[in-house]
């Protein structure tokens, strides 16, 4: 499921400024697609951060605290 080449290519595309250049020269519709893509990428990064935190702190007091906070949010 994890693909290092894809992540590396995406990182280069963003850091090189090519994404910004594509945005600048794109139609309004394509610009909205790019912004939607970036928003989804940021949402995924947040989910990845939360997952990494759970993995790292699983079976620790801190991990149990995160799990209880998650349960509090559910109601």
PDB file of N, CA and C in Angstrom:
ATOM      1  N   UNK A   1       0.821  -1.205   0.000  1.00  0.00           N
ATOM      2  CA  UNK A   1       0.000   0.000   0.000  1.00  0.00           C
ATOM      3  C   UNK A   1       0.862   1.266   0.000  1.00  0.00           C
ATOM      4  N   UNK A   2       1.941   1.237   0.770  1.00  0.00           N
ATOM      5  CA  UNK A   2       2.821   2.399   0.804  1.00  0.00           C
ATOM      6  C   UNK A   2       3.728   2.391  -0.425  1.00  0.00           C
ATOM      7  N   UNK A   3       3.923   3.547  -1.013  1.00  0.00           N
ATOM      8  CA  UNK A   3       4.698   3.638  -2.242  1.00  0.00           C
ATOM      9  C   UNK A   3       5.707   4.782  -2.096  1.00  0.00           C
ATOM     10  N   UNK A   4       6.937   4.426  -1.819  1.00  0.00           N
ATOM     11  CA  UNK A   4       7.988   5.417  -1.584  1.00  0.00           C
ATOM     12  C   UNK A   4       8.239   6.290  -2.812  1.00  0.00           C
ATOM     13  N   UNK A   5       8.204   5.697  -4.002  1.00  0.00           N
ATOM     14  CA  UNK A   5       8.450   6.477  -5.224  1.00  0.00           C
ATOM     15  C   UNK A   5       7.385   7.550  -5.403  1.00  0.00           C
ATOM     16  N   UNK A   6       6.115   7.188  -5.180  1.00  0.00           N
ATOM     17  CA  UNK A   6       5.042   8.173  -5.310  1.00  0.00           C
ATOM     18  C   UNK A   6       5.246   9.329  -4.332  1.00  0.00           C
ATOM     19  N   UNK A   7       5.561   8.993  -3.077  1.00  0.00           N
ATOM     20  CA  UNK A   7       5.765  10.054  -2.082  1.00  0.00           C
ATOM     21  C   UNK A   7       6.956  10.932  -2.444  1.00  0.00           C
ATOM     22  N   UNK A   8       8.020  10.312  -2.931  1.00  0.00           N
ATOM     23  CA  UNK A   8       9.205  11.068  -3.327  1.00  0.00           C
ATOM     24  C   UNK A   8       8.899  11.997  -4.501  1.00  0.00           C
ATOM     25  N   UNK A   9       8.190  11.469  -5.495  1.00  0.00           N
ATOM     26  CA  UNK A   9       7.816  12.286  -6.657  1.00  0.00           C
ATOM     27  C   UNK A   9       6.907  13.446  -6.254  1.00  0.00           C
ATOM     28  N   UNK A  10       5.954  13.170  -5.373  1.00  0.00           N
ATOM     29  CA  UNK A  10       5.041  14.218  -4.903  1.00  0.00           C
ATOM     30  C   UNK A  10       5.811  15.295  -4.141  1.00  0.00           C
ATOM     31  N   UNK A  11       6.729  14.860  -3.288  1.00  0.00           N
ATOM     32  CA  UNK A  11       7.547  15.817  -2.537  1.00  0.00           C
ATOM     33  C   UNK A  11       8.349  16.716  -3.473  1.00  0.00           C
ATOM     34  N   UNK A  12       8.973  16.122  -4.479  1.00  0.00           N
ATOM     35  CA  UNK A  12       9.759  16.900  -5.452  1.00  0.00           C
ATOM     36  C   UNK A  12       8.863  17.880  -6.215  1.00  0.00           C
ATOM     37  N   UNK A  13       7.684  17.417  -6.614  1.00  0.00           N
ATOM     38  CA  UNK A  13       6.733  18.241  -7.360  1.00  0.00           C
ATOM     39  C   UNK A  13       6.331  19.470  -6.546  1.00  0.00           C
ATOM     40  N   UNK A  14       6.090  19.270  -5.276  1.00  0.00           N
ATOM     41  CA  UNK A  14       5.669  20.386  -4.418  1.00  0.00           C
ATOM     42  C   UNK A  14       6.850  21.304  -4.104  1.00  0.00           C
ATOM     43  N   UNK A  15       7.967  20.720  -3.660  1.00  0.00           N
ATOM     44  CA  UNK A  15       9.115  21.525  -3.229  1.00  0.00           C
ATOM     45  C   UNK A  15       9.819  22.250  -4.369  1.00  0.00           C
ATOM     46  N   UNK A  16       9.724  21.721  -5.577  1.00  0.00           N
ATOM     47  CA  UNK A  16      10.407  22.339  -6.717  1.00  0.00           C
ATOM     48  C   UNK A  16       9.724  23.621  -7.189  1.00  0.00           C
ATOM     49  N   UNK A  17       8.471  23.795  -6.775  1.00  0.00           N
ATOM     50  CA  UNK A  17       7.712  24.944  -7.252  1.00  0.00           C
ATOM     51  C   UNK A  17       6.898  24.630  -8.495  1.00  0.00           C
ATOM     52  N   UNK A  18       7.034  23.414  -9.001  1.00  0.00           N
ATOM     53  CA  UNK A  18       6.300  23.029 -10.205  1.00  0.00           C
ATOM     54  C   UNK A  18       4.790  23.054  -9.977  1.00  0.00           C
ATOM     55  N   UNK A  19       4.355  22.633  -8.797  1.00  0.00           N
ATOM     56  CA  UNK A  19       2.920  22.674  -8.499  1.00  0.00           C
ATOM     57  C   UNK A  19       2.410  24.112  -8.555  1.00  0.00           C
ATOM     58  N   UNK A  20       3.169  25.025  -7.961  1.00  0.00           N
ATOM     59  CA  UNK A  20       2.764  26.438  -7.993  1.00  0.00           C
ATOM     60  C   UNK A  20       2.722  26.968  -9.422  1.00  0.00           C
ATOM     61  N   UNK A  21       3.690  26.559 -10.215  1.00  0.00           N
ATOM     62  CA  UNK A  21       3.718  26.995 -11.614  1.00  0.00           C
ATOM     63  C   UNK A  21       2.521  26.431 -12.376  1.00  0.00           C
ATOM     64  N   UNK A  22       2.225  25.153 -12.153  1.00  0.00           N
ATOM     65  CA  UNK A  22       1.051  24.553 -12.788  1.00  0.00           C
ATOM     66  C   UNK A  22      -0.210  25.310 -12.390  1.00  0.00           C
ATOM     67  N   UNK A  23      -0.303  25.660 -11.116  1.00  0.00           N
ATOM     68  CA  UNK A  23      -1.468  26.407 -10.622  1.00  0.00           C
ATOM     69  C   UNK A  23      -1.581  27.742 -11.346  1.00  0.00           C
ATOM     70  N   UNK A  24      -0.452  28.432 -11.439  1.00  0.00           N
ATOM     71  CA  UNK A  24      -0.434  29.764 -12.054  1.00  0.00           C
ATOM     72  C   UNK A  24      -0.920  29.736 -13.505  1.00  0.00           C
ATOM     73  N   UNK A  25      -0.578  28.696 -14.245  1.00  0.00           N
ATOM     74  CA  UNK A  25      -0.898  28.629 -15.669  1.00  0.00           C
ATOM     75  C   UNK A  25      -2.161  27.828 -15.979  1.00  0.00           C
ATOM     76  N   UNK A  26      -2.862  27.389 -14.949  1.00  0.00           N
ATOM     77  CA  UNK A  26      -4.041  26.545 -15.157  1.00  0.00           C
ATOM     78  C   UNK A  26      -5.325  27.361 -15.268  1.00  0.00           C
ATOM     79  N   UNK A  27      -6.322  26.705 -15.836  1.00  0.00           N
ATOM     80  CA  UNK A  27      -7.664  27.308 -15.885  1.00  0.00           C
ATOM     81  C   UNK A  27      -8.233  27.350 -14.470  1.00  0.00           C
ATOM     82  N   UNK A  28      -9.295  28.105 -14.302  1.00  0.00           N
ATOM     83  CA  UNK A  28      -9.924  28.230 -12.985  1.00  0.00           C
ATOM     84  C   UNK A  28     -10.380  26.869 -12.464  1.00  0.00           C
ATOM     85  N   UNK A  29     -10.932  26.051 -13.351  1.00  0.00           N
ATOM     86  CA  UNK A  29     -11.394  24.715 -12.947  1.00  0.00           C
ATOM     87  C   UNK A  29     -10.235  23.858 -12.433  1.00  0.00           C
ATOM     88  N   UNK A  30      -9.128  23.892 -13.157  1.00  0.00           N
ATOM     89  CA  UNK A  30      -7.950  23.108 -12.740  1.00  0.00           C
ATOM     90  C   UNK A  30      -7.376  23.647 -11.438  1.00  0.00           C
ATOM     91  N   UNK A  31      -7.396  24.959 -11.265  1.00  0.00           N
ATOM     92  CA  UNK A  31      -6.917  25.548 -10.004  1.00  0.00           C
ATOM     93  C   UNK A  31      -7.717  25.033  -8.815  1.00  0.00           C
ATOM     94  N   UNK A  32      -9.026  24.926  -9.004  1.00  0.00           N
ATOM     95  CA  UNK A  32      -9.875  24.408  -7.926  1.00  0.00           C
ATOM     96  C   UNK A  32      -9.535  22.944  -7.638  1.00  0.00           C
ATOM     97  N   UNK A  33      -9.245  22.172  -8.678  1.00  0.00           N
ATOM     98  CA  UNK A  33      -8.842  20.776  -8.500  1.00  0.00           C
ATOM     99  C   UNK A  33      -7.539  20.692  -7.699  1.00  0.00           C
ATOM    100  N   UNK A  34      -6.595  21.556  -8.028  1.00  0.00           N
ATOM    101  CA  UNK A  34      -5.310  21.573  -7.323  1.00  0.00           C
ATOM    102  C   UNK A  34      -5.525  21.918  -5.853  1.00  0.00           C
ATOM    103  N   UNK A  35      -6.329  22.941  -5.588  1.00  0.00           N
ATOM    104  CA  UNK A  35      -6.589  23.333  -4.203  1.00  0.00           C
ATOM    105  C   UNK A  35      -7.318  22.230  -3.437  1.00  0.00           C
ATOM    106  N   UNK A  36      -8.258  21.565  -4.090  1.00  0.00           N
ATOM    107  CA  UNK A  36      -8.955  20.440  -3.453  1.00  0.00           C
ATOM    108  C   UNK A  36      -7.974  19.312  -3.134  1.00  0.00           C
ATOM    109  N   UNK A  37      -7.078  19.049  -4.063  1.00  0.00           N
ATOM    110  CA  UNK A  37      -6.070  18.010  -3.869  1.00  0.00           C
ATOM    111  C   UNK A  37      -5.188  18.355  -2.671  1.00  0.00           C
ATOM    112  N   UNK A  38      -4.738  19.595  -2.591  1.00  0.00           N
ATOM    113  CA  UNK A  38      -3.889  20.016  -1.481  1.00  0.00           C
ATOM    114  C   UNK A  38      -4.631  19.937  -0.149  1.00  0.00           C
ATOM    115  N   UNK A  39      -5.901  20.294  -0.159  1.00  0.00           N
ATOM    116  CA  UNK A  39      -6.694  20.200   1.065  1.00  0.00           C
ATOM    117  C   UNK A  39      -6.802  18.745   1.518  1.00  0.00           C
ATOM    118  N   UNK A  40      -7.052  17.855   0.571  1.00  0.00           N
ATOM    119  CA  UNK A  40      -7.137  16.432   0.914  1.00  0.00           C
ATOM    120  C   UNK A  40      -5.802  15.919   1.424  1.00  0.00           C
ATOM    121  N   UNK A  41      -4.706  16.366   0.798  1.00  0.00           N
ATOM    122  CA  UNK A  41      -3.372  15.974   1.234  1.00  0.00           C
ATOM    123  C   UNK A  41      -3.116  16.422   2.673  1.00  0.00           C
ATOM    124  N   UNK A  42      -3.532  17.629   3.011  1.00  0.00           N
ATOM    125  CA  UNK A  42      -3.363  18.128   4.383  1.00  0.00           C
ATOM    126  C   UNK A  42      -4.218  17.329   5.365  1.00  0.00           C
ATOM    127  N   UNK A  43      -5.439  16.960   4.963  1.00  0.00           N
ATOM    128  CA  UNK A  43      -6.283  16.113   5.813  1.00  0.00           C
ATOM    129  C   UNK A  43      -5.634  14.754   6.035  1.00  0.00           C
ATOM    130  N   UNK A  44      -5.048  14.192   4.988  1.00  0.00           N
ATOM    131  CA  UNK A  44      -4.358  12.908   5.117  1.00  0.00           C
ATOM    132  C   UNK A  44      -3.133  13.023   6.023  1.00  0.00           C
ATOM    133  N   UNK A  45      -2.430  14.138   5.916  1.00  0.00           N
ATOM    134  CA  UNK A  45      -1.260  14.352   6.779  1.00  0.00           C
ATOM    135  C   UNK A  45      -1.686  14.405   8.244  1.00  0.00           C
ATOM    136  N   UNK A  46      -2.810  15.035   8.520  1.00  0.00           N
ATOM    137  CA  UNK A  46      -3.326  15.087   9.882  1.00  0.00           C
ATOM    138  C   UNK A  46      -3.693  13.684  10.370  1.00  0.00           C
ATOM    139  N   UNK A  47      -4.341  12.889   9.521  1.00  0.00           N
ATOM    140  CA  UNK A  47      -4.694  11.518   9.879  1.00  0.00           C
ATOM    141  C   UNK A  47      -3.436  10.673  10.096  1.00  0.00           C
ATOM    142  N   UNK A  48      -2.406  10.889   9.260  1.00  0.00           N
ATOM    143  CA  UNK A  48      -1.145  10.169   9.410  1.00  0.00           C
ATOM    144  C   UNK A  48      -0.485  10.523  10.738  1.00  0.00           C
ATOM    145  N   UNK A  49      -0.528  11.791  11.112  1.00  0.00           N
ATOM    146  CA  UNK A  49       0.040  12.234  12.383  1.00  0.00           C
ATOM    147  C   UNK A  49      -0.679  11.573  13.557  1.00  0.00           C
ATOM    148  N   UNK A  50      -2.000  11.538  13.500  1.00  0.00           N
ATOM    149  CA  UNK A  50      -2.779  10.910  14.564  1.00  0.00           C
ATOM    150  C   UNK A  50      -2.471   9.417  14.653  1.00  0.00           C
ATOM    151  N   UNK A  51      -2.357   8.762  13.502  1.00  0.00           N
ATOM    152  CA  UNK A  51      -2.057   7.334  13.481  1.00  0.00           C
ATOM    153  C   UNK A  51      -0.659   7.065  14.026  1.00  0.00           C
ATOM    154  N   UNK A  52       0.312   7.865  13.605  1.00  0.00           N
ATOM    155  CA  UNK A  52       1.682   7.706  14.102  1.00  0.00           C
ATOM    156  C   UNK A  52       1.725   7.873  15.619  1.00  0.00           C
ATOM    157  N   UNK A  53       0.993   8.837  16.125  1.00  0.00           N
ATOM    158  CA  UNK A  53       0.952   9.060  17.574  1.00  0.00           C
ATOM    159  C   UNK A  53       0.396   7.837  18.289  1.00  0.00           C
ATOM    160  N   UNK A  54      -0.699   7.276  17.764  1.00  0.00           N
ATOM    161  CA  UNK A  54      -1.279   6.075  18.379  1.00  0.00           C
ATOM    162  C   UNK A  54      -0.299   4.911  18.331  1.00  0.00           C
ATOM    163  N   UNK A  55       0.359   4.729  17.182  1.00  0.00           N
ATOM    164  CA  UNK A  55       1.309   3.624  17.035  1.00  0.00           C
ATOM    165  C   UNK A  55       2.471   3.779  18.008  1.00  0.00           C
ATOM    166  N   UNK A  56       3.023   4.959  18.069  1.00  0.00           N
ATOM    167  CA  UNK A  56       4.197   5.211  18.905  1.00  0.00           C
ATOM    168  C   UNK A  56       3.874   5.029  20.385  1.00  0.00           C
ATOM    169  N   UNK A  57       2.723   5.525  20.806  1.00  0.00           N
ATOM    170  CA  UNK A  57       2.411   5.532  22.227  1.00  0.00           C
ATOM    171  C   UNK A  57       1.462   4.406  22.658  1.00  0.00           C
ATOM    172  N   UNK A  58       1.189   3.469  21.749  1.00  0.00           N
ATOM    173  CA  UNK A  58       0.330   2.332  22.086  1.00  0.00           C
ATOM    174  C   UNK A  58       0.953   1.579  23.263  1.00  0.00           C
ATOM    175  N   UNK A  59       0.119   1.095  24.155  1.00  0.00           N
ATOM    176  CA  UNK A  59       0.557   0.330  25.325  1.00  0.00           C
ATOM    177  C   UNK A  59       1.374   1.162  26.314  1.00  0.00           C
ATOM    178  N   UNK A  60       1.190   2.473  26.281  1.00  0.00           N
ATOM    179  CA  UNK A  60       1.815   3.338  27.279  1.00  0.00           C
ATOM    180  C   UNK A  60       0.724   4.158  27.945  1.00  0.00           C
ATOM    181  N   UNK A  61       1.048   4.776  29.044  1.00  0.00           N
ATOM    182  CA  UNK A  61       0.080   5.639  29.718  1.00  0.00           C
ATOM    183  C   UNK A  61      -0.378   6.762  28.812  1.00  0.00           C
ATOM    184  N   UNK A  62       0.537   7.294  28.026  1.00  0.00           N
ATOM    185  CA  UNK A  62       0.185   8.375  27.109  1.00  0.00           C
ATOM    186  C   UNK A  62      -0.772   7.870  26.036  1.00  0.00           C
ATOM    187  N   UNK A  63      -0.542   6.664  25.540  1.00  0.00           N
ATOM    188  CA  UNK A  63      -1.431   6.086  24.540  1.00  0.00           C
ATOM    189  C   UNK A  63      -2.828   5.887  25.077  1.00  0.00           C
ATOM    190  N   UNK A  64      -2.935   5.447  26.321  1.00  0.00           N
ATOM    191  CA  UNK A  64      -4.248   5.268  26.936  1.00  0.00           C
ATOM    192  C   UNK A  64      -4.960   6.605  27.092  1.00  0.00           C
ATOM    193  N   UNK A  65      -4.187   7.656  27.357  1.00  0.00           N
ATOM    194  CA  UNK A  65      -4.775   8.988  27.471  1.00  0.00           C
ATOM    195  C   UNK A  65      -5.356   9.423  26.116  1.00  0.00           C
ATOM    196  N   UNK A  66      -4.614   9.162  25.026  1.00  0.00           N
ATOM    197  CA  UNK A  66      -5.112   9.508  23.696  1.00  0.00           C
ATOM    198  C   UNK A  66      -6.388   8.738  23.379  1.00  0.00           C
ATOM    199  N   UNK A  67      -6.383   7.440  23.717  1.00  0.00           N
ATOM    200  CA  UNK A  67      -7.573   6.616  23.456  1.00  0.00           C
ATOM    201  C   UNK A  67      -8.780   7.105  24.245  1.00  0.00           C
ATOM    202  N   UNK A  68      -8.572   7.501  25.497  1.00  0.00           N
ATOM    203  CA  UNK A  68      -9.708   7.977  26.287  1.00  0.00           C
ATOM    204  C   UNK A  68     -10.226   9.305  25.757  1.00  0.00           C
ATOM    205  N   UNK A  69      -9.344  10.154  25.262  1.00  0.00           N
ATOM    206  CA  UNK A  69      -9.763  11.418  24.661  1.00  0.00           C
ATOM    207  C   UNK A  69     -10.570  11.189  23.401  1.00  0.00           C
ATOM    208  N   UNK A  70     -10.184  10.157  22.635  1.00  0.00           N
ATOM    209  CA  UNK A  70     -10.909   9.809  21.429  1.00  0.00           C
ATOM    210  C   UNK A  70     -12.317   9.326  21.776  1.00  0.00           C
ATOM    211  N   UNK A  71     -12.418   8.549  22.836  1.00  0.00           N
ATOM    212  CA  UNK A  71     -13.725   8.053  23.269  1.00  0.00           C
ATOM    213  C   UNK A  71     -14.605   9.177  23.784  1.00  0.00           C
ATOM    214  N   UNK A  72     -13.980  10.177  24.432  1.00  0.00           N
ATOM    215  CA  UNK A  72     -14.749  11.334  24.914  1.00  0.00           C
ATOM    216  C   UNK A  72     -15.395  12.090  23.764  1.00  0.00           C
ATOM    217  N   UNK A  73     -14.671  12.161  22.624  1.00  0.00           N
ATOM    218  CA  UNK A  73     -15.194  12.881  21.462  1.00  0.00           C
ATOM    219  C   UNK A  73     -16.421  12.181  20.871  1.00  0.00           C
ATOM    220  N   UNK A  74     -16.445  10.842  20.992  1.00  0.00           N
ATOM    221  CA  UNK A  74     -17.554  10.089  20.416  1.00  0.00           C
ATOM    222  C   UNK A  74     -18.835  10.259  21.212  1.00  0.00           C
ATOM    223  N   UNK A  75     -18.713  10.665  22.450  1.00  0.00           N
ATOM    224  CA  UNK A  75     -19.919  10.957  23.181  1.00  0.00           C
ATOM    225  C   UNK A  75     -20.140  10.059  24.303  1.00  0.00           C
TER     226      UNK A  75
END
